[in-house]
PDB file of N, CA and C in Angstrom:
ATOM      1  N   UNK A   1     -41.667  27.575  39.594  1.00  0.00           N
ATOM      2  CA  UNK A   1     -41.583  29.706  38.202  1.00  0.00           C
ATOM      3  C   UNK A   1     -39.696  29.562  37.897  1.00  0.00           C
ATOM      4  N   UNK A   2     -38.946  29.701  38.940  1.00  0.00           N
ATOM      5  CA  UNK A   2     -37.435  29.174  38.354  1.00  0.00           C
ATOM      6  C   UNK A   2     -37.381  28.054  37.150  1.00  0.00           C
ATOM      7  N   UNK A   3     -37.951  26.741  37.311  1.00  0.00           N
ATOM      8  CA  UNK A   3     -37.626  25.699  36.213  1.00  0.00           C
ATOM      9  C   UNK A   3     -38.130  25.719  34.797  1.00  0.00           C
ATOM     10  N   UNK A   4     -39.700  26.763  35.670  1.00  0.00           N
ATOM     11  CA  UNK A   4     -39.768  26.860  33.328  1.00  0.00           C
ATOM     12  C   UNK A   4     -39.047  28.033  33.202  1.00  0.00           C
ATOM     13  N   UNK A   5     -38.251  28.934  33.876  1.00  0.00           N
ATOM     14  CA  UNK A   5     -37.605  29.751  32.878  1.00  0.00           C
ATOM     15  C   UNK A   5     -36.225  28.977  32.421  1.00  0.00           C
ATOM     16  N   UNK A   6     -35.634  28.370  32.890  1.00  0.00           N
ATOM     17  CA  UNK A   6     -34.410  27.446  32.712  1.00  0.00           C
ATOM     18  C   UNK A   6     -34.950  26.533  31.562  1.00  0.00           C
ATOM     19  N   UNK A   7     -36.163  26.068  31.439  1.00  0.00           N
ATOM     20  CA  UNK A   7     -36.920  24.834  30.365  1.00  0.00           C
ATOM     21  C   UNK A   7     -36.799  25.692  29.239  1.00  0.00           C
ATOM     22  N   UNK A   8     -37.284  26.999  29.690  1.00  0.00           N
ATOM     23  CA  UNK A   8     -37.338  27.693  28.185  1.00  0.00           C
ATOM     24  C   UNK A   8     -36.055  28.060  27.836  1.00  0.00           C
ATOM     25  N   UNK A   9     -34.977  29.085  28.282  1.00  0.00           N
ATOM     26  CA  UNK A   9     -33.974  29.168  28.458  1.00  0.00           C
ATOM     27  C   UNK A   9     -33.226  27.807  27.640  1.00  0.00           C
ATOM     28  N   UNK A  10     -33.576  26.767  28.112  1.00  0.00           N
ATOM     29  CA  UNK A  10     -32.828  25.017  27.296  1.00  0.00           C
ATOM     30  C   UNK A  10     -32.925  25.291  25.765  1.00  0.00           C
ATOM     31  N   UNK A  11     -34.775  25.511  26.167  1.00  0.00           N
ATOM     32  CA  UNK A  11     -34.956  25.087  24.841  1.00  0.00           C
ATOM     33  C   UNK A  11     -35.262  26.181  23.756  1.00  0.00           C
ATOM     34  N   UNK A  12     -34.844  27.027  24.121  1.00  0.00           N
ATOM     35  CA  UNK A  12     -34.807  28.141  22.575  1.00  0.00           C
ATOM     36  C   UNK A  12     -33.349  28.270  22.582  1.00  0.00           C
ATOM     37  N   UNK A  13     -32.086  28.124  23.504  1.00  0.00           N
ATOM     38  CA  UNK A  13     -30.678  27.625  23.056  1.00  0.00           C
ATOM     39  C   UNK A  13     -30.640  26.233  22.283  1.00  0.00           C
ATOM     40  N   UNK A  14     -31.860  25.455  22.103  1.00  0.00           N
ATOM     41  CA  UNK A  14     -31.688  24.168  21.571  1.00  0.00           C
ATOM     42  C   UNK A  14     -31.896  24.019  19.936  1.00  0.00           C
ATOM     43  N   UNK A  15     -33.010  25.624  19.965  1.00  0.00           N
ATOM     44  CA  UNK A  15     -33.609  25.683  18.529  1.00  0.00           C
ATOM     45  C   UNK A  15     -32.990  26.620  17.615  1.00  0.00           C
ATOM     46  N   UNK A  16     -32.246  27.692  18.740  1.00  0.00           N
ATOM     47  CA  UNK A  16     -30.995  28.807  18.378  1.00  0.00           C
ATOM     48  C   UNK A  16     -29.726  28.050  17.796  1.00  0.00           C
ATOM     49  N   UNK A  17     -29.569  27.737  18.594  1.00  0.00           N
ATOM     50  CA  UNK A  17     -27.874  27.164  18.316  1.00  0.00           C
ATOM     51  C   UNK A  17     -27.603  26.962  16.743  1.00  0.00           C
ATOM     52  N   UNK A  18     -28.357  25.498  16.618  1.00  0.00           N
ATOM     53  CA  UNK A  18     -28.752  25.164  15.046  1.00  0.00           C
ATOM     54  C   UNK A  18     -28.449  26.277  13.984  1.00  0.00           C
ATOM     55  N   UNK A  19     -29.479  27.076  13.934  1.00  0.00           N
ATOM     56  CA  UNK A  19     -29.273  28.036  13.054  1.00  0.00           C
ATOM     57  C   UNK A  19     -28.204  29.073  13.198  1.00  0.00           C
ATOM     58  N   UNK A  20     -27.850  28.986  14.497  1.00  0.00           N
ATOM     59  CA  UNK A  20     -26.702  30.110  13.923  1.00  0.00           C
ATOM     60  C   UNK A  20     -25.318  29.136  13.257  1.00  0.00           C
ATOM     61  N   UNK A  21     -25.146  28.165  13.966  1.00  0.00           N
ATOM     62  CA  UNK A  21     -24.447  27.070  13.422  1.00  0.00           C
ATOM     63  C   UNK A  21     -24.089  26.831  11.510  1.00  0.00           C
ATOM     64  N   UNK A  22     -25.535  27.280  11.058  1.00  0.00           N
ATOM     65  CA  UNK A  22     -26.312  26.772   9.629  1.00  0.00           C
ATOM     66  C   UNK A  22     -25.418  28.021   9.558  1.00  0.00           C
ATOM     67  N   UNK A  23     -25.756  29.727  10.236  1.00  0.00           N
ATOM     68  CA  UNK A  23     -25.376  30.568   9.251  1.00  0.00           C
ATOM     69  C   UNK A  23     -23.901  30.175   9.523  1.00  0.00           C
ATOM     70  N   UNK A  24     -23.356  30.394  10.675  1.00  0.00           N
ATOM     71  CA  UNK A  24     -21.899  30.557  10.208  1.00  0.00           C
ATOM     72  C   UNK A  24     -21.315  29.802   9.092  1.00  0.00           C
ATOM     73  N   UNK A  25     -21.456  28.223   8.292  1.00  0.00           N
ATOM     74  CA  UNK A  25     -21.391  27.380   7.353  1.00  0.00           C
ATOM     75  C   UNK A  25     -21.333  28.384   5.987  1.00  0.00           C
ATOM     76  N   UNK A  26     -22.653  28.819   6.275  1.00  0.00           N
ATOM     77  CA  UNK A  26     -22.705  29.644   4.697  1.00  0.00           C
ATOM     78  C   UNK A  26     -22.413  31.023   4.560  1.00  0.00           C
ATOM     79  N   UNK A  27     -21.582  31.984   6.137  1.00  0.00           N
ATOM     80  CA  UNK A  27     -20.651  32.803   5.742  1.00  0.00           C
ATOM     81  C   UNK A  27     -19.593  32.350   5.473  1.00  0.00           C
ATOM     82  N   UNK A  28     -18.861  31.196   5.431  1.00  0.00           N
ATOM     83  CA  UNK A  28     -17.899  30.490   5.189  1.00  0.00           C
ATOM     84  C   UNK A  28     -17.305  30.592   3.609  1.00  0.00           C
ATOM     85  N   UNK A  29     -18.422  29.904   2.987  1.00  0.00           N
ATOM     86  CA  UNK A  29     -18.396  29.373   1.971  1.00  0.00           C
ATOM     87  C   UNK A  29     -18.537  30.185   0.830  1.00  0.00           C
ATOM     88  N   UNK A  30     -17.775  29.815  -0.210  1.00  0.00           N
ATOM     89  CA  UNK A  30     -17.888  30.537  -2.011  1.00  0.00           C
ATOM     90  C   UNK A  30     -18.151  29.648  -3.178  1.00  0.00           C
ATOM     91  N   UNK A  31     -18.161  29.828  -3.803  1.00  0.00           N
ATOM     92  CA  UNK A  31     -18.491  28.658  -4.529  1.00  0.00           C
ATOM     93  C   UNK A  31     -18.181  29.048  -6.590  1.00  0.00           C
ATOM     94  N   UNK A  32     -17.782  28.297  -7.642  1.00  0.00           N
ATOM     95  CA  UNK A  32     -17.549  29.270  -8.717  1.00  0.00           C
ATOM     96  C   UNK A  32     -17.855  27.852  -9.625  1.00  0.00           C
ATOM     97  N   UNK A  33     -18.842  28.912 -10.417  1.00  0.00           N
ATOM     98  CA  UNK A  33     -19.626  27.398 -11.319  1.00  0.00           C
ATOM     99  C   UNK A  33     -18.578  27.853 -13.025  1.00  0.00           C
ATOM    100  N   UNK A  34     -18.983  27.008 -13.548  1.00  0.00           N
ATOM    101  CA  UNK A  34     -18.349  26.943 -14.741  1.00  0.00           C
ATOM    102  C   UNK A  34     -19.545  25.860 -15.964  1.00  0.00           C
ATOM    103  N   UNK A  35     -19.489  26.046 -17.365  1.00  0.00           N
ATOM    104  CA  UNK A  35     -20.303  25.608 -18.125  1.00  0.00           C
ATOM    105  C   UNK A  35     -19.459  24.894 -19.106  1.00  0.00           C
ATOM    106  N   UNK A  36     -20.110  24.078 -19.843  1.00  0.00           N
ATOM    107  CA  UNK A  36     -18.988  23.121 -21.223  1.00  0.00           C
ATOM    108  C   UNK A  36     -19.734  22.459 -22.242  1.00  0.00           C
ATOM    109  N   UNK A  37     -20.155  22.501 -23.006  1.00  0.00           N
ATOM    110  CA  UNK A  37     -20.487  22.175 -24.568  1.00  0.00           C
ATOM    111  C   UNK A  37     -20.170  20.305 -24.446  1.00  0.00           C
ATOM    112  N   UNK A  38     -18.456  20.657 -23.733  1.00  0.00           N
ATOM    113  CA  UNK A  38     -17.512  19.368 -24.310  1.00  0.00           C
ATOM    114  C   UNK A  38     -18.204  18.279 -23.691  1.00  0.00           C
ATOM    115  N   UNK A  39     -18.434  18.385 -22.064  1.00  0.00           N
ATOM    116  CA  UNK A  39     -18.667  17.520 -21.320  1.00  0.00           C
ATOM    117  C   UNK A  39     -18.858  17.841 -20.049  1.00  0.00           C
ATOM    118  N   UNK A  40     -19.075  16.978 -19.222  1.00  0.00           N
ATOM    119  CA  UNK A  40     -19.292  17.186 -17.830  1.00  0.00           C
ATOM    120  C   UNK A  40     -17.858  17.070 -17.138  1.00  0.00           C
ATOM    121  N   UNK A  41     -17.666  16.576 -17.293  1.00  0.00           N
ATOM    122  CA  UNK A  41     -15.564  16.621 -16.439  1.00  0.00           C
ATOM    123  C   UNK A  41     -15.149  17.886 -17.291  1.00  0.00           C
ATOM    124  N   UNK A  42     -15.324  18.656 -18.365  1.00  0.00           N
ATOM    125  CA  UNK A  42     -14.563  19.744 -19.072  1.00  0.00           C
ATOM    126  C   UNK A  42     -15.026  20.535 -17.919  1.00  0.00           C
ATOM    127  N   UNK A  43     -17.012  20.699 -17.573  1.00  0.00           N
ATOM    128  CA  UNK A  43     -16.766  21.834 -17.024  1.00  0.00           C
ATOM    129  C   UNK A  43     -16.771  21.379 -15.115  1.00  0.00           C
ATOM    130  N   UNK A  44     -15.951  20.527 -14.974  1.00  0.00           N
ATOM    131  CA  UNK A  44     -16.247  19.965 -13.778  1.00  0.00           C
ATOM    132  C   UNK A  44     -14.548  20.404 -13.430  1.00  0.00           C
ATOM    133  N   UNK A  45     -13.846  20.561 -14.252  1.00  0.00           N
ATOM    134  CA  UNK A  45     -12.151  20.938 -14.560  1.00  0.00           C
ATOM    135  C   UNK A  45     -12.289  22.290 -14.251  1.00  0.00           C
ATOM    136  N   UNK A  46     -12.989  22.577 -15.106  1.00  0.00           N
ATOM    137  CA  UNK A  46     -12.817  24.253 -15.540  1.00  0.00           C
ATOM    138  C   UNK A  46     -13.264  24.170 -13.976  1.00  0.00           C
ATOM    139  N   UNK A  47     -13.913  24.880 -13.384  1.00  0.00           N
ATOM    140  CA  UNK A  47     -14.288  25.454 -12.130  1.00  0.00           C
ATOM    141  C   UNK A  47     -13.491  24.498 -11.453  1.00  0.00           C
ATOM    142  N   UNK A  48     -12.946  23.703 -11.266  1.00  0.00           N
ATOM    143  CA  UNK A  48     -11.699  23.413 -10.146  1.00  0.00           C
ATOM    144  C   UNK A  48     -10.966  24.319 -10.023  1.00  0.00           C
ATOM    145  N   UNK A  49     -10.449  24.385 -11.569  1.00  0.00           N
ATOM    146  CA  UNK A  49      -9.249  25.233 -11.776  1.00  0.00           C
ATOM    147  C   UNK A  49      -9.532  27.101 -10.816  1.00  0.00           C
ATOM    148  N   UNK A  50     -11.315  27.316 -10.917  1.00  0.00           N
ATOM    149  CA  UNK A  50     -10.985  28.190 -10.417  1.00  0.00           C
ATOM    150  C   UNK A  50     -11.161  28.738  -8.973  1.00  0.00           C
ATOM    151  N   UNK A  51     -10.797  27.292  -8.218  1.00  0.00           N
ATOM    152  CA  UNK A  51     -11.098  28.147  -7.067  1.00  0.00           C
ATOM    153  C   UNK A  51      -9.675  28.035  -6.189  1.00  0.00           C
ATOM    154  N   UNK A  52      -9.652  29.416  -5.797  1.00  0.00           N
ATOM    155  CA  UNK A  52      -8.062  29.908  -5.217  1.00  0.00           C
ATOM    156  C   UNK A  52      -6.979  29.257  -4.447  1.00  0.00           C
ATOM    157  N   UNK A  53      -5.994  28.977  -4.770  1.00  0.00           N
ATOM    158  CA  UNK A  53      -4.365  28.254  -4.180  1.00  0.00           C
ATOM    159  C   UNK A  53      -5.033  27.905  -2.659  1.00  0.00           C
ATOM    160  N   UNK A  54      -4.778  27.257  -1.978  1.00  0.00           N
ATOM    161  CA  UNK A  54      -5.053  27.286  -0.563  1.00  0.00           C
ATOM    162  C   UNK A  54      -6.374  26.909   0.065  1.00  0.00           C
ATOM    163  N   UNK A  55      -7.677  27.074  -0.453  1.00  0.00           N
ATOM    164  CA  UNK A  55      -8.661  26.855  -0.724  1.00  0.00           C
ATOM    165  C   UNK A  55      -8.984  25.738  -0.087  1.00  0.00           C
ATOM    166  N   UNK A  56     -10.086  25.133   0.968  1.00  0.00           N
ATOM    167  CA  UNK A  56     -11.022  23.944   0.642  1.00  0.00           C
ATOM    168  C   UNK A  56     -11.863  23.672   0.102  1.00  0.00           C
ATOM    169  N   UNK A  57     -11.255  22.474  -0.615  1.00  0.00           N
ATOM    170  CA  UNK A  57     -13.233  22.444  -1.541  1.00  0.00           C
ATOM    171  C   UNK A  57     -13.873  21.353  -0.607  1.00  0.00           C
ATOM    172  N   UNK A  58     -15.565  21.832  -0.159  1.00  0.00           N
ATOM    173  CA  UNK A  58     -16.230  21.795   0.263  1.00  0.00           C
ATOM    174  C   UNK A  58     -17.214  20.197  -0.786  1.00  0.00           C
ATOM    175  N   UNK A  59     -17.015  20.678  -1.710  1.00  0.00           N
ATOM    176  CA  UNK A  59     -18.029  19.345  -2.776  1.00  0.00           C
ATOM    177  C   UNK A  59     -18.213  20.143  -3.944  1.00  0.00           C
ATOM    178  N   UNK A  60     -18.466  19.416  -4.507  1.00  0.00           N
ATOM    179  CA  UNK A  60     -19.255  19.849  -6.147  1.00  0.00           C
ATOM    180  C   UNK A  60     -20.816  19.400  -6.707  1.00  0.00           C
ATOM    181  N   UNK A  61     -21.448  20.330  -7.595  1.00  0.00           N
ATOM    182  CA  UNK A  61     -23.094  19.925  -8.084  1.00  0.00           C
ATOM    183  C   UNK A  61     -22.711  19.892  -9.505  1.00  0.00           C
ATOM    184  N   UNK A  62     -23.209  18.930  -9.938  1.00  0.00           N
ATOM    185  CA  UNK A  62     -23.132  19.087 -11.763  1.00  0.00           C
ATOM    186  C   UNK A  62     -24.229  18.367 -12.249  1.00  0.00           C
ATOM    187  N   UNK A  63     -25.099  19.346 -13.004  1.00  0.00           N
ATOM    188  CA  UNK A  63     -25.934  19.131 -14.059  1.00  0.00           C
ATOM    189  C   UNK A  63     -25.807  19.640 -15.532  1.00  0.00           C
ATOM    190  N   UNK A  64     -26.641  18.596 -16.319  1.00  0.00           N
ATOM    191  CA  UNK A  64     -27.288  18.703 -17.731  1.00  0.00           C
ATOM    192  C   UNK A  64     -28.349  20.024 -17.543  1.00  0.00           C
ATOM    193  N   UNK A  65     -27.767  21.063 -18.855  1.00  0.00           N
ATOM    194  CA  UNK A  65     -28.801  21.738 -19.348  1.00  0.00           C
ATOM    195  C   UNK A  65     -29.396  21.423 -20.851  1.00  0.00           C
ATOM    196  N   UNK A  66     -30.898  20.777 -20.761  1.00  0.00           N
ATOM    197  CA  UNK A  66     -30.708  20.706 -22.331  1.00  0.00           C
ATOM    198  C   UNK A  66     -31.015  21.765 -22.934  1.00  0.00           C
ATOM    199  N   UNK A  67     -30.632  22.282 -24.456  1.00  0.00           N
ATOM    200  CA  UNK A  67     -30.567  22.688 -25.467  1.00  0.00           C
ATOM    201  C   UNK A  67     -31.413  22.730 -26.473  1.00  0.00           C
ATOM    202  N   UNK A  68     -32.200  23.266 -27.517  1.00  0.00           N
ATOM    203  CA  UNK A  68     -33.106  23.114 -28.285  1.00  0.00           C
ATOM    204  C   UNK A  68     -31.347  21.960 -29.583  1.00  0.00           C
ATOM    205  N   UNK A  69     -32.332  21.470 -30.287  1.00  0.00           N
ATOM    206  CA  UNK A  69     -31.456  20.580 -31.305  1.00  0.00           C
ATOM    207  C   UNK A  69     -31.538  19.950 -30.711  1.00  0.00           C
ATOM    208  N   UNK A  70     -31.187  18.921 -29.551  1.00  0.00           N
ATOM    209  CA  UNK A  70     -31.013  17.866 -28.765  1.00  0.00           C
ATOM    210  C   UNK A  70     -29.974  18.242 -29.361  1.00  0.00           C
ATOM    211  N   UNK A  71     -29.082  19.154 -27.516  1.00  0.00           N
ATOM    212  CA  UNK A  71     -27.605  19.214 -27.102  1.00  0.00           C
ATOM    213  C   UNK A  71     -27.670  19.778 -26.326  1.00  0.00           C
ATOM    214  N   UNK A  72     -26.967  19.765 -25.310  1.00  0.00           N
ATOM    215  CA  UNK A  72     -26.717  20.163 -23.689  1.00  0.00           C
ATOM    216  C   UNK A  72     -25.723  20.680 -23.737  1.00  0.00           C
ATOM    217  N   UNK A  73     -25.766  21.413 -22.155  1.00  0.00           N
ATOM    218  CA  UNK A  73     -24.222  22.196 -22.253  1.00  0.00           C
ATOM    219  C   UNK A  73     -24.704  21.424 -20.432  1.00  0.00           C
ATOM    220  N   UNK A  74     -23.462  21.292 -19.755  1.00  0.00           N
ATOM    221  CA  UNK A  74     -23.246  20.923 -18.276  1.00  0.00           C
ATOM    222  C   UNK A  74     -22.400  22.632 -17.322  1.00  0.00           C
ATOM    223  N   UNK A  75     -23.247  22.294 -16.561  1.00  0.00           N
ATOM    224  CA  UNK A  75     -22.547  22.752 -15.806  1.00  0.00           C
ATOM    225  C   UNK A  75     -22.375  22.435 -14.345  1.00  0.00           C
ATOM    226  N   UNK A  76     -20.828  23.253 -13.713  1.00  0.00           N
ATOM    227  CA  UNK A  76     -20.695  22.434 -12.667  1.00  0.00           C
ATOM    228  C   UNK A  76     -19.974  23.701 -11.555  1.00  0.00           C
ATOM    229  N   UNK A  77     -20.953  23.300 -10.962  1.00  0.00           N
ATOM    230  CA  UNK A  77     -20.247  24.538  -9.516  1.00  0.00           C
ATOM    231  C   UNK A  77     -19.031  23.040  -8.204  1.00  0.00           C
ATOM    232  N   UNK A  78     -18.557  24.417  -7.466  1.00  0.00           N
ATOM    233  CA  UNK A  78     -17.734  23.904  -6.426  1.00  0.00           C
ATOM    234  C   UNK A  78     -17.480  24.668  -5.806  1.00  0.00           C
ATOM    235  N   UNK A  79     -17.760  24.162  -4.561  1.00  0.00           N
ATOM    236  CA  UNK A  79     -17.769  24.707  -3.216  1.00  0.00           C
ATOM    237  C   UNK A  79     -16.329  24.980  -2.506  1.00  0.00           C
ATOM    238  N   UNK A  80     -16.356  25.963  -1.949  1.00  0.00           N
ATOM    239  CA  UNK A  80     -14.810  26.206  -0.822  1.00  0.00           C
ATOM    240  C   UNK A  80     -15.056  26.636  -0.073  1.00  0.00           C
ATOM    241  N   UNK A  81     -13.733  26.148   1.092  1.00  0.00           N
ATOM    242  CA  UNK A  81     -14.208  27.864   2.176  1.00  0.00           C
ATOM    243  C   UNK A  81     -12.914  28.271   1.625  1.00  0.00           C
ATOM    244  N   UNK A  82     -13.025  29.571   1.636  1.00  0.00           N
ATOM    245  CA  UNK A  82     -12.087  30.903   1.043  1.00  0.00           C
ATOM    246  C   UNK A  82     -10.912  30.031   2.481  1.00  0.00           C
ATOM    247  N   UNK A  83     -11.075  30.544   3.353  1.00  0.00           N
ATOM    248  CA  UNK A  83     -10.632  30.483   4.583  1.00  0.00           C
ATOM    249  C   UNK A  83      -8.758  29.665   4.778  1.00  0.00           C
ATOM    250  N   UNK A  84      -7.744  30.541   4.822  1.00  0.00           N
ATOM    251  CA  UNK A  84      -6.314  29.475   4.766  1.00  0.00           C
ATOM    252  C   UNK A  84      -6.430  28.288   5.519  1.00  0.00           C
ATOM    253  N   UNK A  85      -5.684  27.010   5.041  1.00  0.00           N
ATOM    254  CA  UNK A  85      -6.120  26.343   5.900  1.00  0.00           C
ATOM    255  C   UNK A  85      -5.158  26.374   7.463  1.00  0.00           C
ATOM    256  N   UNK A  86      -5.925  25.393   9.002  1.00  0.00           N
ATOM    257  CA  UNK A  86      -4.447  26.110   9.900  1.00  0.00           C
ATOM    258  C   UNK A  86      -3.633  25.243   9.643  1.00  0.00           C
ATOM    259  N   UNK A  87      -2.995  25.806  10.362  1.00  0.00           N
ATOM    260  CA  UNK A  87      -1.506  25.228  10.881  1.00  0.00           C
ATOM    261  C   UNK A  87      -1.532  24.055  11.190  1.00  0.00           C
ATOM    262  N   UNK A  88      -0.440  23.148  10.609  1.00  0.00           N
ATOM    263  CA  UNK A  88      -1.313  21.752  10.272  1.00  0.00           C
ATOM    264  C   UNK A  88      -1.569  20.655  10.118  1.00  0.00           C
ATOM    265  N   UNK A  89      -2.390  21.888   8.981  1.00  0.00           N
ATOM    266  CA  UNK A  89      -3.344  20.924   7.884  1.00  0.00           C
ATOM    267  C   UNK A  89      -3.225  20.781   6.524  1.00  0.00           C
ATOM    268  N   UNK A  90      -2.925  19.391   6.195  1.00  0.00           N
ATOM    269  CA  UNK A  90      -2.763  20.013   4.251  1.00  0.00           C
ATOM    270  C   UNK A  90      -3.727  20.508   3.533  1.00  0.00           C
ATOM    271  N   UNK A  91      -3.801  21.649   2.886  1.00  0.00           N
ATOM    272  CA  UNK A  91      -4.435  21.721   1.555  1.00  0.00           C
ATOM    273  C   UNK A  91      -5.268  20.220   0.394  1.00  0.00           C
ATOM    274  N   UNK A  92      -5.847  20.628   0.234  1.00  0.00           N
ATOM    275  CA  UNK A  92      -6.538  19.827  -0.804  1.00  0.00           C
ATOM    276  C   UNK A  92      -5.972  19.454  -1.581  1.00  0.00           C
ATOM    277  N   UNK A  93      -5.058  18.268  -2.442  1.00  0.00           N
ATOM    278  CA  UNK A  93      -4.285  18.443  -3.459  1.00  0.00           C
ATOM    279  C   UNK A  93      -5.559  19.049  -4.942  1.00  0.00           C
ATOM    280  N   UNK A  94      -4.562  19.801  -5.490  1.00  0.00           N
ATOM    281  CA  UNK A  94      -4.864  19.176  -6.991  1.00  0.00           C
ATOM    282  C   UNK A  94      -6.311  20.739  -6.314  1.00  0.00           C
ATOM    283  N   UNK A  95      -7.013  21.110  -5.715  1.00  0.00           N
ATOM    284  CA  UNK A  95      -8.079  21.570  -5.885  1.00  0.00           C
ATOM    285  C   UNK A  95      -8.814  20.503  -5.946  1.00  0.00           C
ATOM    286  N   UNK A  96      -9.003  19.184  -6.084  1.00  0.00           N
ATOM    287  CA  UNK A  96     -10.111  18.566  -6.562  1.00  0.00           C
ATOM    288  C   UNK A  96     -11.049  17.849  -5.258  1.00  0.00           C
ATOM    289  N   UNK A  97     -12.367  18.150  -5.977  1.00  0.00           N
ATOM    290  CA  UNK A  97     -13.499  18.185  -4.666  1.00  0.00           C
ATOM    291  C   UNK A  97     -13.664  16.584  -4.241  1.00  0.00           C
TER     292      UNK A  97
END
């Protein structure tokens, strides 16, 4: 009986721990988005410039949006960790992804 409880407890922890870690990461991350009609680089540059100073950039994502008349709009999002960097670690230079 005790062995079955230990197996159930370890199984429950194995299932819940990844969910807790994912949830903890989601709380820390923030995102800024910018659009441009010029090009993707302009949208990414604009979004990157909106990341707060000292934040650590986690990644970026860009997409093209087709508009009527054979034109496009470019949308880029930059994800970042808003927490200040820990002592002894350097922030990402220039806020680039």
